[in-house]
Amino acid sequence: MSYQLYRNTTLGHTLQESLDELIQVGQITPQLALKVLLQFDKSINQALSNRVNKKITFKADLNTYRFCDNVWTFVLNNAEFRDGNDNIRVDKVKIVACDGKSNIFIL
């Protein structure tokens, strides 16, 4: 199971741009670039699953929510996140949550 959500991060965008440049100059094939991206998806999901064990609590006003293809999307207003003694307040936040136990592969 592997989600492609993290391709929209700075790291994911940079990887895709680098792969595009390598394809343009003929150093790698598009098929190899796709394999690299798929490995990135697997690796980032595995690393976050196994290495991140921090827990936070939050409260907020629910603006909208959606559940589609085992993916929850929440838009929250006036959110307050708590991690021990640290508090962070934001006016608006979007949370995308995927089922980590399903065997779904999103392209």
N, C-alpha and C. Protein backbone atom coordinates (compact mmCIF):
# COMPACT_ATOMS: atom_id res chain seq x y z
N MET A 1 0.83 -1.16 0.00
CA MET A 1 0.00 0.00 0.00
C MET A 1 0.88 1.24 0.00
N SER A 2 0.54 2.17 -0.87
CA SER A 2 1.35 3.36 -0.96
C SER A 2 0.52 4.51 -1.52
N TYR A 3 0.55 5.63 -0.83
CA TYR A 3 -0.16 6.82 -1.28
C TYR A 3 0.82 7.79 -1.91
N GLN A 4 0.33 8.57 -2.84
CA GLN A 4 1.17 9.54 -3.53
C GLN A 4 1.02 10.95 -2.97
N LEU A 5 0.45 11.09 -1.79
CA LEU A 5 0.22 12.40 -1.20
C LEU A 5 1.51 13.20 -1.03
N TYR A 6 2.59 12.51 -0.72
CA TYR A 6 3.83 13.20 -0.37
C TYR A 6 4.60 13.69 -1.60
N ARG A 7 4.09 13.39 -2.78
CA ARG A 7 4.68 13.97 -3.99
C ARG A 7 4.39 15.47 -4.06
N ASN A 8 3.40 15.94 -3.31
CA ASN A 8 3.06 17.36 -3.30
C ASN A 8 3.84 18.15 -2.26
N THR A 9 4.80 17.51 -1.61
CA THR A 9 5.66 18.22 -0.67
C THR A 9 6.84 18.83 -1.43
N THR A 10 7.61 19.66 -0.76
CA THR A 10 8.79 20.25 -1.38
C THR A 10 9.74 19.16 -1.85
N LEU A 11 9.95 18.15 -1.03
CA LEU A 11 10.83 17.04 -1.40
C LEU A 11 10.31 16.31 -2.63
N GLY A 12 9.01 16.03 -2.65
CA GLY A 12 8.41 15.34 -3.79
C GLY A 12 8.49 16.14 -5.08
N HIS A 13 8.20 17.45 -4.99
CA HIS A 13 8.29 18.31 -6.18
C HIS A 13 9.73 18.37 -6.70
N THR A 14 10.68 18.50 -5.79
CA THR A 14 12.08 18.58 -6.19
C THR A 14 12.52 17.29 -6.86
N LEU A 15 12.10 16.15 -6.32
CA LEU A 15 12.42 14.87 -6.94
C LEU A 15 11.84 14.79 -8.34
N GLN A 16 10.58 15.17 -8.50
CA GLN A 16 9.95 15.11 -9.82
C GLN A 16 10.63 16.04 -10.82
N GLU A 17 11.00 17.24 -10.39
CA GLU A 17 11.71 18.17 -11.27
C GLU A 17 13.07 17.61 -11.69
N SER A 18 13.78 17.01 -10.74
CA SER A 18 15.09 16.42 -11.05
C SER A 18 14.95 15.27 -12.04
N LEU A 19 13.94 14.43 -11.82
CA LEU A 19 13.71 13.31 -12.74
C LEU A 19 13.34 13.81 -14.14
N ASP A 20 12.51 14.86 -14.20
CA ASP A 20 12.15 15.45 -15.49
C ASP A 20 13.38 15.96 -16.24
N GLU A 21 14.28 16.62 -15.51
CA GLU A 21 15.52 17.11 -16.14
C GLU A 21 16.36 15.96 -16.66
N LEU A 22 16.48 14.89 -15.87
CA LEU A 22 17.27 13.74 -16.31
C LEU A 22 16.65 13.07 -17.54
N ILE A 23 15.34 13.05 -17.61
CA ILE A 23 14.67 12.50 -18.80
C ILE A 23 14.95 13.38 -20.01
N GLN A 24 14.87 14.70 -19.84
CA GLN A 24 15.06 15.64 -20.94
C GLN A 24 16.47 15.56 -21.53
N VAL A 25 17.47 15.32 -20.69
CA VAL A 25 18.84 15.24 -21.21
C VAL A 25 19.21 13.82 -21.60
N GLY A 26 18.26 12.90 -21.47
CA GLY A 26 18.47 11.53 -21.93
C GLY A 26 19.28 10.64 -21.00
N GLN A 27 19.42 11.02 -19.74
CA GLN A 27 20.20 10.20 -18.82
C GLN A 27 19.41 9.06 -18.20
N ILE A 28 18.08 9.21 -18.14
CA ILE A 28 17.23 8.11 -17.66
C ILE A 28 15.99 8.04 -18.56
N THR A 29 15.32 6.90 -18.49
CA THR A 29 14.10 6.71 -19.26
C THR A 29 12.89 7.12 -18.40
N PRO A 30 11.77 7.43 -19.05
CA PRO A 30 10.56 7.72 -18.27
C PRO A 30 10.14 6.54 -17.39
N GLN A 31 10.40 5.32 -17.86
CA GLN A 31 10.06 4.14 -17.06
C GLN A 31 10.88 4.09 -15.76
N LEU A 32 12.16 4.44 -15.84
CA LEU A 32 13.00 4.47 -14.64
C LEU A 32 12.54 5.57 -13.69
N ALA A 33 12.17 6.72 -14.26
CA ALA A 33 11.67 7.82 -13.42
C ALA A 33 10.41 7.39 -12.66
N LEU A 34 9.53 6.66 -13.33
CA LEU A 34 8.32 6.17 -12.68
C LEU A 34 8.66 5.20 -11.56
N LYS A 35 9.64 4.32 -11.79
CA LYS A 35 10.06 3.39 -10.74
C LYS A 35 10.62 4.14 -9.54
N VAL A 36 11.38 5.21 -9.79
CA VAL A 36 11.93 6.01 -8.70
C VAL A 36 10.80 6.67 -7.90
N LEU A 37 9.81 7.21 -8.59
CA LEU A 37 8.68 7.84 -7.90
C LEU A 37 7.89 6.83 -7.08
N LEU A 38 7.69 5.64 -7.62
CA LEU A 38 6.97 4.61 -6.87
C LEU A 38 7.75 4.18 -5.64
N GLN A 39 9.08 4.10 -5.76
CA GLN A 39 9.90 3.77 -4.60
C GLN A 39 9.87 4.89 -3.57
N PHE A 40 9.86 6.14 -4.03
CA PHE A 40 9.72 7.29 -3.14
C PHE A 40 8.42 7.18 -2.35
N ASP A 41 7.31 6.87 -3.05
CA ASP A 41 6.01 6.72 -2.38
C ASP A 41 6.08 5.67 -1.29
N LYS A 42 6.64 4.51 -1.61
CA LYS A 42 6.73 3.43 -0.64
C LYS A 42 7.62 3.82 0.54
N SER A 43 8.77 4.41 0.23
CA SER A 43 9.73 4.75 1.28
C SER A 43 9.22 5.82 2.23
N ILE A 44 8.60 6.86 1.69
CA ILE A 44 8.13 7.95 2.56
C ILE A 44 6.98 7.46 3.44
N ASN A 45 6.09 6.65 2.87
CA ASN A 45 5.00 6.09 3.66
C ASN A 45 5.52 5.17 4.76
N GLN A 46 6.50 4.35 4.43
CA GLN A 46 7.08 3.43 5.40
C GLN A 46 7.81 4.19 6.51
N ALA A 47 8.58 5.20 6.13
CA ALA A 47 9.33 5.97 7.11
C ALA A 47 8.39 6.69 8.08
N LEU A 48 7.34 7.30 7.55
CA LEU A 48 6.41 8.00 8.43
C LEU A 48 5.65 7.02 9.32
N SER A 49 5.36 5.85 8.80
CA SER A 49 4.65 4.84 9.57
C SER A 49 5.50 4.28 10.71
N ASN A 50 6.78 4.07 10.44
CA ASN A 50 7.65 3.40 11.41
C ASN A 50 8.44 4.34 12.32
N ARG A 51 8.72 5.53 11.88
CA ARG A 51 9.63 6.40 12.63
C ARG A 51 8.95 7.53 13.39
N VAL A 52 7.74 7.88 13.01
CA VAL A 52 7.06 8.98 13.67
C VAL A 52 6.12 8.40 14.72
N ASN A 53 6.36 8.76 15.98
CA ASN A 53 5.50 8.26 17.04
C ASN A 53 4.98 9.39 17.92
N LYS A 54 5.10 10.60 17.47
CA LYS A 54 4.64 11.77 18.21
C LYS A 54 3.13 11.86 18.12
N LYS A 55 2.51 12.23 19.21
CA LYS A 55 1.06 12.40 19.24
C LYS A 55 0.73 13.83 19.63
N ILE A 56 -0.30 14.36 18.99
CA ILE A 56 -0.78 15.69 19.32
C ILE A 56 -2.29 15.62 19.52
N THR A 57 -2.81 16.62 20.19
CA THR A 57 -4.25 16.76 20.30
C THR A 57 -4.64 18.09 19.68
N PHE A 58 -5.86 18.17 19.22
CA PHE A 58 -6.32 19.43 18.65
C PHE A 58 -7.81 19.57 18.83
N LYS A 59 -8.25 20.81 18.78
CA LYS A 59 -9.67 21.10 18.74
C LYS A 59 -9.86 22.22 17.72
N ALA A 60 -11.03 22.18 17.07
CA ALA A 60 -11.28 23.14 16.00
C ALA A 60 -12.76 23.14 15.67
N ASP A 61 -13.14 24.11 14.84
CA ASP A 61 -14.49 24.16 14.29
C ASP A 61 -14.45 23.47 12.93
N LEU A 62 -15.29 22.46 12.75
CA LEU A 62 -15.32 21.73 11.49
C LEU A 62 -16.05 22.54 10.44
N ASN A 63 -15.34 22.84 9.35
CA ASN A 63 -15.93 23.59 8.23
C ASN A 63 -16.59 22.60 7.27
N THR A 64 -15.78 21.70 6.71
CA THR A 64 -16.31 20.67 5.79
C THR A 64 -15.53 19.39 5.98
N TYR A 65 -16.13 18.28 5.55
CA TYR A 65 -15.45 17.00 5.55
C TYR A 65 -15.93 16.18 4.36
N ARG A 66 -15.10 15.22 3.96
CA ARG A 66 -15.43 14.36 2.83
C ARG A 66 -14.72 13.03 3.02
N PHE A 67 -15.38 11.94 2.63
CA PHE A 67 -14.78 10.62 2.64
C PHE A 67 -15.00 10.00 1.27
N CYS A 68 -13.90 9.75 0.58
CA CYS A 68 -13.98 9.19 -0.77
C CYS A 68 -12.77 8.29 -1.00
N ASP A 69 -13.02 7.08 -1.48
CA ASP A 69 -11.94 6.12 -1.78
C ASP A 69 -11.02 5.90 -0.58
N ASN A 70 -11.59 5.74 0.61
CA ASN A 70 -10.84 5.51 1.84
C ASN A 70 -9.92 6.66 2.22
N VAL A 71 -10.25 7.86 1.76
CA VAL A 71 -9.47 9.05 2.10
C VAL A 71 -10.41 10.07 2.73
N TRP A 72 -10.09 10.47 3.96
CA TRP A 72 -10.84 11.52 4.65
C TRP A 72 -10.17 12.86 4.38
N THR A 73 -10.97 13.88 4.12
CA THR A 73 -10.49 15.25 3.99
C THR A 73 -11.32 16.13 4.93
N PHE A 74 -10.63 16.83 5.81
CA PHE A 74 -11.28 17.73 6.75
C PHE A 74 -10.75 19.14 6.54
N VAL A 75 -11.63 20.12 6.54
CA VAL A 75 -11.23 21.53 6.56
C VAL A 75 -11.71 22.08 7.89
N LEU A 76 -10.77 22.58 8.68
CA LEU A 76 -11.05 23.05 10.03
C LEU A 76 -10.76 24.54 10.14
N ASN A 77 -11.58 25.22 10.93
CA ASN A 77 -11.36 26.63 11.22
C ASN A 77 -10.99 26.78 12.69
N ASN A 78 -10.24 27.83 13.00
CA ASN A 78 -9.87 28.15 14.39
C ASN A 78 -9.30 26.94 15.12
N ALA A 79 -8.32 26.33 14.52
CA ALA A 79 -7.74 25.10 15.09
C ALA A 79 -6.64 25.43 16.09
N GLU A 80 -6.62 24.64 17.16
CA GLU A 80 -5.56 24.74 18.16
C GLU A 80 -4.95 23.35 18.35
N PHE A 81 -3.66 23.25 18.06
CA PHE A 81 -2.93 22.00 18.19
C PHE A 81 -2.08 22.05 19.44
N ARG A 82 -2.09 20.95 20.21
CA ARG A 82 -1.33 20.89 21.46
C ARG A 82 -0.37 19.71 21.43
N ASP A 83 0.87 20.01 21.79
CA ASP A 83 1.90 18.98 21.90
C ASP A 83 2.63 19.23 23.22
N GLY A 84 2.20 18.58 24.26
CA GLY A 84 2.81 18.83 25.57
C GLY A 84 2.52 20.25 26.01
N ASN A 85 3.58 21.05 26.13
CA ASN A 85 3.44 22.44 26.57
C ASN A 85 3.26 23.41 25.41
N ASP A 86 3.48 22.96 24.19
CA ASP A 86 3.40 23.85 23.03
C ASP A 86 1.98 23.89 22.47
N ASN A 87 1.51 25.10 22.16
CA ASN A 87 0.21 25.30 21.53
C ASN A 87 0.42 26.06 20.23
N ILE A 88 -0.26 25.63 19.20
CA ILE A 88 -0.21 26.33 17.92
C ILE A 88 -1.63 26.59 17.48
N ARG A 89 -1.93 27.83 17.12
CA ARG A 89 -3.25 28.21 16.63
C ARG A 89 -3.15 28.59 15.16
N VAL A 90 -4.13 28.13 14.38
CA VAL A 90 -4.20 28.50 12.97
C VAL A 90 -5.65 28.82 12.63
N ASP A 91 -5.83 29.74 11.69
CA ASP A 91 -7.18 30.14 11.29
C ASP A 91 -7.88 29.04 10.49
N LYS A 92 -7.12 28.38 9.60
CA LYS A 92 -7.73 27.37 8.73
C LYS A 92 -6.68 26.30 8.43
N VAL A 93 -7.10 25.03 8.47
CA VAL A 93 -6.19 23.93 8.17
C VAL A 93 -6.95 22.85 7.41
N LYS A 94 -6.26 22.20 6.51
CA LYS A 94 -6.83 21.08 5.76
C LYS A 94 -6.07 19.82 6.15
N ILE A 95 -6.79 18.80 6.56
CA ILE A 95 -6.19 17.52 6.96
C ILE A 95 -6.66 16.45 5.99
N VAL A 96 -5.71 15.73 5.41
CA VAL A 96 -6.02 14.60 4.54
C VAL A 96 -5.51 13.35 5.24
N ALA A 97 -6.41 12.41 5.50
CA ALA A 97 -6.05 11.19 6.23
C ALA A 97 -6.43 9.97 5.41
N CYS A 98 -5.47 9.07 5.28
CA CYS A 98 -5.68 7.85 4.49
C CYS A 98 -5.64 6.64 5.40
N ASP A 99 -6.36 5.61 5.01
CA ASP A 99 -6.39 4.37 5.76
C ASP A 99 -5.05 3.66 5.58
N GLY A 100 -4.26 3.60 6.62
CA GLY A 100 -2.94 2.99 6.54
C GLY A 100 -2.96 1.48 6.55
N LYS A 101 -4.12 0.87 6.79
CA LYS A 101 -4.19 -0.58 6.87
C LYS A 101 -4.83 -1.21 5.65
N SER A 102 -5.32 -0.42 4.74
CA SER A 102 -5.96 -1.00 3.56
C SER A 102 -4.90 -1.36 2.52
N ASN A 103 -5.29 -2.10 1.55
CA ASN A 103 -4.38 -2.51 0.48
C ASN A 103 -4.62 -1.69 -0.78
N ILE A 104 -4.99 -0.45 -0.61
CA ILE A 104 -5.30 0.42 -1.75
C ILE A 104 -4.03 1.09 -2.24
N PHE A 105 -3.91 1.20 -3.54
CA PHE A 105 -2.79 1.88 -4.17
C PHE A 105 -3.37 3.01 -5.00
N ILE A 106 -3.02 4.26 -4.68
CA ILE A 106 -3.58 5.41 -5.38
C ILE A 106 -2.59 5.92 -6.42
N LEU A 107 -3.04 6.09 -7.62
CA LEU A 107 -2.20 6.66 -8.69
C LEU A 107 -2.63 8.04 -9.02
